[in-house]
Amino acid sequence: MHRAYRNDHGQSRPRHHRFNLSKSHSAGRANAQIYTPTAVADMMARMTTPHEGDTVQDPAVGTGGLFRAAAQAMREQGRDPATVSWYGADIDDLAIAACAINSVLWGLGPRVVLCVANTLAEGDWASRAEAQRTEILQLAETIRRDKLMIHAFRTAQKITDTITESAQALDHE
C-alpha cells in the first residue's frame, strides 16, 4: 500500500510513481526502441520527485534514464535515492543489463528490482520480479552456506591428515 500526501498545490496523490513514455503506432510495429530524452526525463523527475520510502516503477525502463533523473532530482532536494524502491522492466535483456550496471553507478541502493518482461502482456511483472529476486537471494545464501561448509570440511580433513601423519611418524621412531 502506498501512502498519499499533498503536494505544493494541496492536491492529494499517491506516493507511488510510474513513469511512462508512449511509443507511436509505427514504432511499435517496427519494434523500435525509443528512449526518453534527457531533458524530458529531468523535467518529469522534478515534477514527481520521489520521497524517501517511495516506490518508483518504470515498465519500459530501457537503460534507466528515468531512474537517473529521479535519483538526481532527489539528491538536489537533499534526499537519498537508496531509500527508494526501484522497479524496472523492459523487453530487451541487454537494456536491463545496462540498467543494472547504471543502477550501481548511480547509487540507487539495495532495493532495485529489474526484470525482462513484456509489461503490456504481463501486468504482474513487478510481483514476479520480486518473487524471482527472493528466490535468487535464497539460492545465493544456500550456495554461500554450502561453500563455507565445504571449506570447513576441507580444513578439518587437512588437520586430520596432519595429525595422522604426525602420529605415524612417531610410531616409526
N, C-alpha and C. Protein backbone atom coordinates (compact mmCIF):
# COMPACT_ATOMS: atom_id res chain seq x y z
N MET A 1 0.85 -1.17 0.00
CA MET A 1 0.00 0.00 0.00
C MET A 1 0.90 1.23 0.00
N HIS A 2 0.53 2.22 -0.75
CA HIS A 2 1.34 3.42 -0.87
C HIS A 2 0.62 4.58 -0.21
N ARG A 3 1.36 5.33 0.59
CA ARG A 3 0.78 6.46 1.31
C ARG A 3 0.46 7.59 0.35
N ALA A 4 -0.53 8.39 0.71
CA ALA A 4 -0.87 9.56 -0.07
C ALA A 4 -0.32 10.79 0.65
N TYR A 5 -0.03 11.84 -0.07
CA TYR A 5 0.41 13.08 0.54
C TYR A 5 -0.09 14.22 -0.32
N ARG A 6 -0.01 15.43 0.21
CA ARG A 6 -0.45 16.61 -0.52
C ARG A 6 0.78 17.31 -1.10
N ASN A 7 0.65 17.69 -2.37
CA ASN A 7 1.76 18.40 -3.00
C ASN A 7 1.66 19.89 -2.68
N ASP A 8 2.52 20.70 -3.29
CA ASP A 8 2.55 22.14 -3.00
C ASP A 8 1.25 22.84 -3.35
N HIS A 9 0.43 22.23 -4.19
CA HIS A 9 -0.83 22.83 -4.61
C HIS A 9 -2.02 22.28 -3.83
N GLY A 10 -1.75 21.50 -2.77
CA GLY A 10 -2.81 20.96 -1.94
C GLY A 10 -3.52 19.76 -2.55
N GLN A 11 -3.00 19.24 -3.66
CA GLN A 11 -3.61 18.09 -4.31
C GLN A 11 -3.08 16.82 -3.68
N SER A 12 -3.98 15.87 -3.46
CA SER A 12 -3.57 14.58 -2.90
C SER A 12 -3.16 13.67 -4.04
N ARG A 13 -2.05 12.95 -3.84
CA ARG A 13 -1.63 11.98 -4.83
C ARG A 13 -0.89 10.86 -4.12
N PRO A 14 -0.93 9.67 -4.67
CA PRO A 14 -0.23 8.56 -4.02
C PRO A 14 1.28 8.73 -4.12
N ARG A 15 1.99 8.19 -3.15
CA ARG A 15 3.45 8.25 -3.16
C ARG A 15 3.97 7.02 -3.88
N HIS A 16 3.49 6.82 -5.05
CA HIS A 16 3.87 5.69 -5.90
C HIS A 16 4.01 6.29 -7.30
N HIS A 17 5.17 6.21 -7.86
CA HIS A 17 5.42 6.89 -9.12
C HIS A 17 5.56 5.88 -10.24
N ARG A 18 4.90 6.15 -11.34
CA ARG A 18 5.05 5.34 -12.54
C ARG A 18 5.45 6.28 -13.65
N PHE A 19 6.50 5.92 -14.34
CA PHE A 19 6.94 6.71 -15.48
C PHE A 19 6.57 5.95 -16.74
N ASN A 20 6.01 6.63 -17.69
CA ASN A 20 5.66 6.01 -18.96
C ASN A 20 6.06 6.92 -20.11
N LEU A 21 6.44 6.31 -21.18
CA LEU A 21 6.67 7.03 -22.42
C LEU A 21 6.00 6.22 -23.51
N SER A 22 5.04 6.79 -24.16
CA SER A 22 4.31 6.06 -25.19
C SER A 22 5.12 5.99 -26.47
N LYS A 23 4.94 4.90 -27.19
CA LYS A 23 5.55 4.75 -28.50
C LYS A 23 4.48 5.04 -29.55
N SER A 24 4.91 5.52 -30.65
CA SER A 24 3.97 5.74 -31.74
C SER A 24 3.54 4.40 -32.30
N HIS A 25 2.43 4.36 -32.99
CA HIS A 25 1.92 3.12 -33.57
C HIS A 25 2.93 2.52 -34.54
N SER A 26 3.55 3.36 -35.36
CA SER A 26 4.50 2.84 -36.33
C SER A 26 5.77 2.32 -35.64
N ALA A 27 6.18 2.95 -34.54
CA ALA A 27 7.37 2.47 -33.82
C ALA A 27 7.08 1.10 -33.22
N GLY A 28 5.89 0.88 -32.71
CA GLY A 28 5.53 -0.42 -32.14
C GLY A 28 5.57 -1.51 -33.19
N ARG A 29 5.09 -1.21 -34.37
CA ARG A 29 5.11 -2.20 -35.45
C ARG A 29 6.53 -2.51 -35.89
N ALA A 30 7.41 -1.55 -35.79
CA ALA A 30 8.79 -1.73 -36.22
C ALA A 30 9.65 -2.30 -35.09
N ASN A 31 9.06 -2.52 -33.91
CA ASN A 31 9.77 -3.00 -32.73
C ASN A 31 10.94 -2.07 -32.40
N ALA A 32 10.68 -0.77 -32.54
CA ALA A 32 11.71 0.23 -32.29
C ALA A 32 11.89 0.47 -30.80
N GLN A 33 13.08 0.89 -30.44
CA GLN A 33 13.35 1.28 -29.07
C GLN A 33 13.39 2.80 -29.03
N ILE A 34 12.61 3.36 -28.15
CA ILE A 34 12.56 4.81 -28.03
C ILE A 34 12.93 5.15 -26.60
N TYR A 35 14.00 5.90 -26.43
CA TYR A 35 14.45 6.29 -25.11
C TYR A 35 13.98 7.70 -24.81
N THR A 36 13.65 7.94 -23.56
CA THR A 36 13.19 9.25 -23.13
C THR A 36 14.36 10.24 -23.21
N PRO A 37 14.17 11.35 -23.91
CA PRO A 37 15.24 12.36 -23.96
C PRO A 37 15.59 12.84 -22.55
N THR A 38 16.85 13.14 -22.33
CA THR A 38 17.33 13.55 -21.01
C THR A 38 16.55 14.73 -20.46
N ALA A 39 16.30 15.74 -21.28
CA ALA A 39 15.58 16.93 -20.81
C ALA A 39 14.16 16.57 -20.35
N VAL A 40 13.51 15.66 -21.08
CA VAL A 40 12.16 15.23 -20.71
C VAL A 40 12.21 14.41 -19.41
N ALA A 41 13.18 13.52 -19.31
CA ALA A 41 13.33 12.72 -18.09
C ALA A 41 13.58 13.62 -16.88
N ASP A 42 14.45 14.60 -17.03
CA ASP A 42 14.74 15.53 -15.95
C ASP A 42 13.50 16.31 -15.53
N MET A 43 12.73 16.79 -16.51
CA MET A 43 11.52 17.54 -16.21
C MET A 43 10.50 16.66 -15.47
N MET A 44 10.30 15.44 -15.96
CA MET A 44 9.35 14.52 -15.31
C MET A 44 9.78 14.21 -13.88
N ALA A 45 11.06 14.01 -13.67
CA ALA A 45 11.57 13.68 -12.34
C ALA A 45 11.38 14.85 -11.38
N ARG A 46 11.60 16.04 -11.85
CA ARG A 46 11.42 17.20 -10.97
C ARG A 46 9.94 17.43 -10.64
N MET A 47 9.06 17.04 -11.54
CA MET A 47 7.62 17.18 -11.30
C MET A 47 7.11 16.14 -10.30
N THR A 48 7.74 14.99 -10.26
CA THR A 48 7.27 13.90 -9.41
C THR A 48 8.41 13.31 -8.60
N THR A 49 9.22 14.15 -7.99
CA THR A 49 10.39 13.68 -7.25
C THR A 49 9.97 12.74 -6.13
N PRO A 50 10.52 11.54 -6.12
CA PRO A 50 10.18 10.58 -5.06
C PRO A 50 10.67 11.05 -3.69
N HIS A 51 9.96 10.63 -2.68
CA HIS A 51 10.36 10.86 -1.29
C HIS A 51 10.93 9.57 -0.73
N GLU A 52 11.66 9.70 0.36
CA GLU A 52 12.22 8.52 0.99
C GLU A 52 11.11 7.54 1.34
N GLY A 53 11.33 6.26 1.02
CA GLY A 53 10.35 5.21 1.27
C GLY A 53 9.38 4.98 0.13
N ASP A 54 9.43 5.81 -0.90
CA ASP A 54 8.54 5.65 -2.05
C ASP A 54 8.97 4.48 -2.93
N THR A 55 8.11 4.14 -3.87
CA THR A 55 8.39 3.14 -4.89
C THR A 55 8.32 3.82 -6.25
N VAL A 56 9.33 3.57 -7.07
CA VAL A 56 9.34 4.09 -8.44
C VAL A 56 9.28 2.90 -9.38
N GLN A 57 8.32 2.92 -10.29
CA GLN A 57 8.19 1.84 -11.27
C GLN A 57 8.30 2.42 -12.68
N ASP A 58 9.10 1.77 -13.49
CA ASP A 58 9.20 2.14 -14.91
C ASP A 58 9.03 0.86 -15.72
N PRO A 59 7.86 0.66 -16.33
CA PRO A 59 7.59 -0.57 -17.07
C PRO A 59 8.27 -0.65 -18.43
N ALA A 60 8.97 0.39 -18.82
CA ALA A 60 9.77 0.38 -20.06
C ALA A 60 11.08 1.07 -19.74
N VAL A 61 11.83 0.51 -18.79
CA VAL A 61 12.97 1.17 -18.16
C VAL A 61 14.15 1.39 -19.10
N GLY A 62 14.30 0.57 -20.12
CA GLY A 62 15.46 0.72 -21.00
C GLY A 62 16.73 0.64 -20.19
N THR A 63 17.60 1.61 -20.35
CA THR A 63 18.86 1.63 -19.60
C THR A 63 18.74 2.42 -18.30
N GLY A 64 17.55 2.91 -17.99
CA GLY A 64 17.30 3.55 -16.70
C GLY A 64 17.38 5.06 -16.68
N GLY A 65 17.21 5.71 -17.80
CA GLY A 65 17.30 7.16 -17.85
C GLY A 65 16.36 7.88 -16.90
N LEU A 66 15.14 7.36 -16.74
CA LEU A 66 14.21 7.99 -15.80
C LEU A 66 14.63 7.74 -14.36
N PHE A 67 15.22 6.60 -14.09
CA PHE A 67 15.76 6.33 -12.75
C PHE A 67 16.86 7.34 -12.42
N ARG A 68 17.75 7.55 -13.40
CA ARG A 68 18.84 8.51 -13.20
C ARG A 68 18.30 9.89 -12.88
N ALA A 69 17.32 10.31 -13.65
CA ALA A 69 16.75 11.64 -13.46
C ALA A 69 16.07 11.77 -12.10
N ALA A 70 15.34 10.73 -11.70
CA ALA A 70 14.66 10.77 -10.39
C ALA A 70 15.67 10.79 -9.25
N ALA A 71 16.74 10.00 -9.36
CA ALA A 71 17.77 9.98 -8.33
C ALA A 71 18.47 11.34 -8.25
N GLN A 72 18.73 11.94 -9.39
CA GLN A 72 19.38 13.25 -9.43
C GLN A 72 18.47 14.30 -8.79
N ALA A 73 17.17 14.26 -9.12
CA ALA A 73 16.23 15.21 -8.54
C ALA A 73 16.14 15.03 -7.02
N MET A 74 16.20 13.78 -6.57
CA MET A 74 16.18 13.52 -5.12
C MET A 74 17.40 14.14 -4.46
N ARG A 75 18.57 13.91 -5.05
CA ARG A 75 19.81 14.45 -4.47
C ARG A 75 19.79 15.98 -4.43
N GLU A 76 19.22 16.59 -5.46
CA GLU A 76 19.12 18.06 -5.49
C GLU A 76 18.26 18.57 -4.35
N GLN A 77 17.33 17.75 -3.86
CA GLN A 77 16.46 18.13 -2.75
C GLN A 77 16.93 17.55 -1.42
N GLY A 78 18.16 17.04 -1.40
CA GLY A 78 18.73 16.52 -0.16
C GLY A 78 18.19 15.17 0.26
N ARG A 79 17.63 14.42 -0.68
CA ARG A 79 17.09 13.10 -0.38
C ARG A 79 18.04 12.02 -0.89
N ASP A 80 17.97 10.86 -0.26
CA ASP A 80 18.85 9.75 -0.60
C ASP A 80 18.10 8.74 -1.49
N PRO A 81 18.53 8.55 -2.73
CA PRO A 81 17.87 7.59 -3.62
C PRO A 81 17.89 6.15 -3.11
N ALA A 82 18.83 5.83 -2.23
CA ALA A 82 18.93 4.47 -1.70
C ALA A 82 17.77 4.13 -0.77
N THR A 83 16.96 5.13 -0.40
CA THR A 83 15.80 4.89 0.47
C THR A 83 14.54 4.57 -0.32
N VAL A 84 14.65 4.56 -1.64
CA VAL A 84 13.50 4.32 -2.53
C VAL A 84 13.60 2.90 -3.08
N SER A 85 12.46 2.29 -3.35
CA SER A 85 12.41 1.00 -4.06
C SER A 85 12.24 1.30 -5.54
N TRP A 86 13.13 0.73 -6.35
CA TRP A 86 13.16 0.98 -7.79
C TRP A 86 12.78 -0.30 -8.52
N TYR A 87 11.71 -0.27 -9.30
CA TYR A 87 11.28 -1.43 -10.08
C TYR A 87 11.29 -1.05 -11.55
N GLY A 88 11.99 -1.85 -12.35
CA GLY A 88 12.06 -1.58 -13.78
C GLY A 88 11.95 -2.86 -14.59
N ALA A 89 11.30 -2.76 -15.71
CA ALA A 89 11.17 -3.89 -16.63
C ALA A 89 11.37 -3.39 -18.04
N ASP A 90 11.84 -4.29 -18.87
CA ASP A 90 11.98 -3.97 -20.29
C ASP A 90 11.98 -5.28 -21.05
N ILE A 91 11.56 -5.23 -22.28
CA ILE A 91 11.51 -6.43 -23.12
C ILE A 91 12.90 -6.80 -23.63
N ASP A 92 13.85 -5.87 -23.53
CA ASP A 92 15.20 -6.05 -24.05
C ASP A 92 16.15 -6.44 -22.91
N ASP A 93 16.66 -7.67 -22.94
CA ASP A 93 17.53 -8.14 -21.86
C ASP A 93 18.85 -7.37 -21.79
N LEU A 94 19.37 -6.91 -22.92
CA LEU A 94 20.59 -6.13 -22.91
C LEU A 94 20.36 -4.77 -22.23
N ALA A 95 19.21 -4.17 -22.49
CA ALA A 95 18.88 -2.89 -21.84
C ALA A 95 18.76 -3.08 -20.33
N ILE A 96 18.17 -4.18 -19.89
CA ILE A 96 18.06 -4.47 -18.45
C ILE A 96 19.44 -4.64 -17.84
N ALA A 97 20.33 -5.32 -18.55
CA ALA A 97 21.71 -5.49 -18.05
C ALA A 97 22.38 -4.13 -17.90
N ALA A 98 22.21 -3.26 -18.88
CA ALA A 98 22.78 -1.91 -18.80
C ALA A 98 22.15 -1.13 -17.64
N CYS A 99 20.87 -1.29 -17.45
CA CYS A 99 20.18 -0.61 -16.34
C CYS A 99 20.71 -1.11 -15.00
N ALA A 100 20.99 -2.39 -14.90
CA ALA A 100 21.54 -2.94 -13.65
C ALA A 100 22.89 -2.29 -13.34
N ILE A 101 23.73 -2.18 -14.35
CA ILE A 101 25.04 -1.53 -14.15
C ILE A 101 24.85 -0.07 -13.79
N ASN A 102 23.97 0.61 -14.51
CA ASN A 102 23.72 2.03 -14.24
C ASN A 102 23.17 2.23 -12.83
N SER A 103 22.34 1.32 -12.36
CA SER A 103 21.76 1.44 -11.02
C SER A 103 22.86 1.44 -9.96
N VAL A 104 23.88 0.64 -10.18
CA VAL A 104 25.02 0.61 -9.26
C VAL A 104 25.81 1.91 -9.39
N LEU A 105 26.10 2.32 -10.63
CA LEU A 105 26.88 3.53 -10.85
C LEU A 105 26.18 4.77 -10.29
N TRP A 106 24.85 4.80 -10.36
CA TRP A 106 24.08 5.94 -9.89
C TRP A 106 23.76 5.88 -8.40
N GLY A 107 24.17 4.81 -7.74
CA GLY A 107 23.95 4.69 -6.29
C GLY A 107 22.50 4.59 -5.89
N LEU A 108 21.72 3.79 -6.63
CA LEU A 108 20.30 3.67 -6.31
C LEU A 108 20.03 2.82 -5.07
N GLY A 109 21.03 2.12 -4.59
CA GLY A 109 20.88 1.36 -3.35
C GLY A 109 20.48 -0.08 -3.56
N PRO A 110 20.14 -0.75 -2.46
CA PRO A 110 19.91 -2.20 -2.49
C PRO A 110 18.50 -2.62 -2.91
N ARG A 111 17.59 -1.68 -3.06
CA ARG A 111 16.21 -2.05 -3.38
C ARG A 111 15.89 -1.78 -4.85
N VAL A 112 16.70 -2.35 -5.73
CA VAL A 112 16.48 -2.24 -7.18
C VAL A 112 16.07 -3.61 -7.68
N VAL A 113 14.91 -3.69 -8.30
CA VAL A 113 14.40 -4.95 -8.85
C VAL A 113 14.16 -4.73 -10.34
N LEU A 114 14.89 -5.48 -11.16
CA LEU A 114 14.78 -5.35 -12.61
C LEU A 114 14.41 -6.70 -13.20
N CYS A 115 13.65 -6.67 -14.27
CA CYS A 115 13.31 -7.93 -14.93
C CYS A 115 13.09 -7.71 -16.42
N VAL A 116 13.26 -8.80 -17.15
CA VAL A 116 12.93 -8.80 -18.57
C VAL A 116 11.48 -9.24 -18.66
N ALA A 117 10.64 -8.39 -19.22
CA ALA A 117 9.22 -8.71 -19.30
C ALA A 117 8.56 -7.84 -20.36
N ASN A 118 7.50 -8.37 -20.92
CA ASN A 118 6.62 -7.60 -21.79
C ASN A 118 5.52 -7.06 -20.88
N THR A 119 5.70 -5.85 -20.40
CA THR A 119 4.78 -5.31 -19.40
C THR A 119 3.38 -5.05 -19.94
N LEU A 120 3.26 -4.99 -21.25
CA LEU A 120 1.92 -4.85 -21.82
C LEU A 120 1.13 -6.15 -21.69
N ALA A 121 1.83 -7.27 -21.72
CA ALA A 121 1.18 -8.58 -21.62
C ALA A 121 1.22 -9.14 -20.19
N GLU A 122 2.19 -8.70 -19.39
CA GLU A 122 2.36 -9.22 -18.04
C GLU A 122 2.09 -8.12 -17.02
N GLY A 123 0.88 -8.01 -16.58
CA GLY A 123 0.52 -6.97 -15.63
C GLY A 123 1.15 -7.15 -14.27
N ASP A 124 1.54 -8.36 -13.93
CA ASP A 124 2.10 -8.65 -12.61
C ASP A 124 3.63 -8.73 -12.63
N TRP A 125 4.27 -8.07 -13.56
CA TRP A 125 5.72 -8.19 -13.73
C TRP A 125 6.49 -7.82 -12.46
N ALA A 126 6.04 -6.82 -11.74
CA ALA A 126 6.77 -6.40 -10.54
C ALA A 126 6.70 -7.48 -9.46
N SER A 127 5.55 -8.09 -9.28
CA SER A 127 5.41 -9.17 -8.30
C SER A 127 6.25 -10.37 -8.70
N ARG A 128 6.23 -10.70 -9.98
CA ARG A 128 7.03 -11.83 -10.47
C ARG A 128 8.52 -11.55 -10.29
N ALA A 129 8.93 -10.34 -10.58
CA ALA A 129 10.34 -9.98 -10.43
C ALA A 129 10.76 -10.04 -8.96
N GLU A 130 9.89 -9.57 -8.08
CA GLU A 130 10.18 -9.62 -6.64
C GLU A 130 10.31 -11.07 -6.18
N ALA A 131 9.42 -11.94 -6.64
CA ALA A 131 9.49 -13.36 -6.26
C ALA A 131 10.77 -14.01 -6.78
N GLN A 132 11.14 -13.70 -8.01
CA GLN A 132 12.39 -14.24 -8.57
C GLN A 132 13.60 -13.73 -7.80
N ARG A 133 13.57 -12.46 -7.42
CA ARG A 133 14.67 -11.88 -6.64
C ARG A 133 14.80 -12.61 -5.31
N THR A 134 13.69 -12.83 -4.63
CA THR A 134 13.70 -13.53 -3.35
C THR A 134 14.27 -14.94 -3.52
N GLU A 135 13.82 -15.63 -4.56
CA GLU A 135 14.31 -16.98 -4.83
C GLU A 135 15.82 -16.99 -5.10
N ILE A 136 16.29 -16.03 -5.88
CA ILE A 136 17.72 -15.96 -6.20
C ILE A 136 18.54 -15.64 -4.95
N LEU A 137 18.05 -14.73 -4.12
CA LEU A 137 18.78 -14.40 -2.89
C LEU A 137 18.84 -15.59 -1.95
N GLN A 138 17.75 -16.36 -1.87
CA GLN A 138 17.76 -17.57 -1.04
C GLN A 138 18.74 -18.60 -1.60
N LEU A 139 18.76 -18.77 -2.90
CA LEU A 139 19.69 -19.69 -3.54
C LEU A 139 21.14 -19.24 -3.29
N ALA A 140 21.39 -17.95 -3.42
CA ALA A 140 22.74 -17.43 -3.17
C ALA A 140 23.16 -17.69 -1.72
N GLU A 141 22.26 -17.53 -0.79
CA GLU A 141 22.56 -17.79 0.62
C GLU A 141 22.85 -19.27 0.84
N THR A 142 22.09 -20.14 0.21
CA THR A 142 22.33 -21.58 0.32
C THR A 142 23.70 -21.93 -0.25
N ILE A 143 24.04 -21.38 -1.38
CA ILE A 143 25.35 -21.64 -2.00
C ILE A 143 26.47 -21.13 -1.10
N ARG A 144 26.29 -19.93 -0.55
CA ARG A 144 27.30 -19.38 0.36
C ARG A 144 27.49 -20.28 1.58
N ARG A 145 26.38 -20.73 2.17
CA ARG A 145 26.45 -21.61 3.33
C ARG A 145 27.14 -22.93 2.98
N ASP A 146 26.77 -23.52 1.83
CA ASP A 146 27.39 -24.78 1.40
C ASP A 146 28.88 -24.60 1.14
N LYS A 147 29.25 -23.49 0.55
CA LYS A 147 30.67 -23.22 0.27
C LYS A 147 31.46 -23.12 1.58
N LEU A 148 30.88 -22.46 2.57
CA LEU A 148 31.54 -22.37 3.88
C LEU A 148 31.67 -23.75 4.53
N MET A 149 30.63 -24.57 4.38
CA MET A 149 30.65 -25.92 4.95
C MET A 149 31.73 -26.77 4.27
N ILE A 150 31.84 -26.69 2.96
CA ILE A 150 32.87 -27.43 2.22
C ILE A 150 34.26 -26.99 2.68
N HIS A 151 34.42 -25.68 2.85
CA HIS A 151 35.72 -25.16 3.31
C HIS A 151 36.04 -25.71 4.71
N ALA A 152 35.03 -25.74 5.58
CA ALA A 152 35.24 -26.27 6.94
C ALA A 152 35.62 -27.74 6.89
N PHE A 153 34.95 -28.53 6.06
CA PHE A 153 35.27 -29.95 5.92
C PHE A 153 36.70 -30.15 5.40
N ARG A 154 37.07 -29.36 4.39
CA ARG A 154 38.43 -29.48 3.83
C ARG A 154 39.49 -29.12 4.88
N THR A 155 39.20 -28.08 5.65
CA THR A 155 40.13 -27.68 6.71
C THR A 155 40.24 -28.78 7.76
N ALA A 156 39.10 -29.35 8.15
CA ALA A 156 39.11 -30.46 9.12
C ALA A 156 39.88 -31.66 8.56
N GLN A 157 39.72 -31.93 7.26
CA GLN A 157 40.42 -33.05 6.63
C GLN A 157 41.93 -32.80 6.65
N LYS A 158 42.37 -31.58 6.37
CA LYS A 158 43.79 -31.25 6.41
C LYS A 158 44.36 -31.42 7.82
N ILE A 159 43.61 -31.00 8.82
CA ILE A 159 44.06 -31.15 10.21
C ILE A 159 44.16 -32.63 10.57
N THR A 160 43.14 -33.40 10.17
CA THR A 160 43.14 -34.84 10.44
C THR A 160 44.33 -35.51 9.75
N ASP A 161 44.58 -35.15 8.50
CA ASP A 161 45.72 -35.71 7.77
C ASP A 161 47.04 -35.36 8.45
N THR A 162 47.17 -34.14 8.91
CA THR A 162 48.40 -33.70 9.58
C THR A 162 48.60 -34.48 10.88
N ILE A 163 47.54 -34.65 11.64
CA ILE A 163 47.63 -35.39 12.90
C ILE A 163 47.98 -36.86 12.62
N THR A 164 47.34 -37.43 11.60
CA THR A 164 47.61 -38.83 11.25
C THR A 164 49.06 -39.00 10.82
N GLU A 165 49.55 -38.10 9.99
CA GLU A 165 50.95 -38.17 9.54
C GLU A 165 51.91 -38.02 10.72
N SER A 166 51.60 -37.12 11.64
CA SER A 166 52.45 -36.93 12.82
C SER A 166 52.46 -38.17 13.69
N ALA A 167 51.29 -38.78 13.87
CA ALA A 167 51.18 -39.99 14.69
C ALA A 167 51.96 -41.13 14.05
N GLN A 168 51.89 -41.26 12.74
CA GLN A 168 52.61 -42.32 12.02
C GLN A 168 54.11 -42.11 12.12
N ALA A 169 54.53 -40.84 12.05
CA ALA A 169 55.96 -40.54 12.16
C ALA A 169 56.48 -40.90 13.55
N LEU A 170 55.67 -40.66 14.58
CA LEU A 170 56.07 -41.02 15.95
C LEU A 170 56.13 -42.52 16.13
N ASP A 171 55.22 -43.24 15.47
CA ASP A 171 55.20 -44.70 15.58
C ASP A 171 56.47 -45.32 14.97
N HIS A 172 57.00 -44.69 13.94
CA HIS A 172 58.17 -45.22 13.25
C HIS A 172 59.45 -44.89 13.99
N GLU A 173 59.41 -44.03 14.97
CA GLU A 173 60.64 -43.66 15.69
C GLU A 173 60.95 -44.61 16.77
